[in-house]
Amino acid sequence: MSVDDAREIILSFPEAFESSHHGHPDFRIPGGIFATLWPTQHRSVLRLTPALAESLEARDGATFK
């Protein structure tokens, strides 16, 4: 997935907007940051519920950590 693809998906969430956090693009909704991209490292971080994070990691630990 490209950075532009990720940005498009993330910004499709209601009330989501892009900002910057420690020099990286981040994505916020009222109340806080829920996603951060590191384009040069081909990495992203999403804030998920513990149950969803564990489920994704169990399904594909190479992609989700």
Protein backbone atom coordinates (compact mmCIF):
# COMPACT_ATOMS: atom_id res chain seq x y z
CA MET A 1 0.00 0.00 0.00
CA SER A 2 1.33 3.41 -0.88
CA VAL A 3 1.44 6.38 1.49
CA ASP A 4 -1.21 8.07 -0.65
CA ASP A 5 -3.47 4.99 -0.40
CA ALA A 6 -3.06 4.90 3.39
CA ARG A 7 -3.72 8.63 3.65
CA GLU A 8 -6.91 8.30 1.57
CA ILE A 9 -8.24 5.44 3.72
CA ILE A 10 -7.38 7.14 7.00
CA LEU A 11 -8.94 10.44 5.94
CA SER A 12 -12.15 8.66 4.95
CA PHE A 13 -13.06 8.28 8.65
CA PRO A 14 -15.60 10.82 9.89
CA GLU A 15 -13.96 13.95 11.37
CA ALA A 16 -10.44 12.72 10.54
CA PHE A 17 -7.86 15.32 9.60
CA GLU A 18 -4.12 15.33 8.95
CA SER A 19 -1.60 17.12 11.15
CA SER A 20 2.03 16.54 12.18
CA HIS A 21 3.56 14.94 15.25
CA HIS A 22 7.34 14.91 15.83
CA GLY A 23 7.90 15.53 12.12
CA HIS A 24 5.65 12.69 10.91
CA PRO A 25 2.20 12.96 9.35
CA ASP A 26 -0.43 12.04 11.89
CA PHE A 27 -4.17 11.73 11.69
CA ARG A 28 -6.56 12.92 14.33
CA ILE A 29 -10.17 12.95 15.30
CA PRO A 30 -11.53 15.15 18.05
CA GLY A 31 -9.91 13.72 21.15
CA GLY A 32 -6.57 12.61 19.79
CA ILE A 33 -4.25 10.94 17.34
CA PHE A 34 -5.37 7.60 15.93
CA ALA A 35 -2.80 7.01 13.16
CA THR A 36 0.77 8.03 12.31
CA LEU A 37 2.76 7.46 9.12
CA TRP A 38 6.51 7.16 8.68
CA PRO A 39 6.67 7.38 4.85
CA THR A 40 10.45 7.02 4.55
CA GLN A 41 10.39 3.89 6.73
CA HIS A 42 7.35 2.34 4.99
CA ARG A 43 5.65 2.06 8.38
CA SER A 44 2.43 3.17 10.01
CA VAL A 45 0.96 2.99 13.48
CA LEU A 46 -2.74 2.69 14.17
CA ARG A 47 -4.38 3.04 17.54
CA LEU A 48 -6.63 0.00 17.96
CA THR A 49 -8.53 -1.64 20.77
CA PRO A 50 -6.44 -4.34 22.48
CA ALA A 51 -8.79 -7.08 21.22
CA LEU A 52 -8.53 -5.94 17.60
CA ALA A 53 -4.75 -5.53 17.81
CA GLU A 54 -4.33 -9.05 19.23
CA SER A 55 -6.63 -10.50 16.57
CA LEU A 56 -4.68 -8.88 13.72
CA GLU A 57 -1.33 -9.93 15.16
CA ALA A 58 -2.56 -13.53 15.57
CA ARG A 59 -3.78 -13.54 11.96
CA ASP A 60 -0.64 -12.02 10.40
CA GLY A 61 2.21 -11.37 12.84
CA ALA A 62 4.60 -10.40 10.05
CA THR A 63 2.42 -7.42 9.11
CA PHE A 64 0.85 -6.48 12.45
CA LYS A 65 2.91 -6.07 15.61
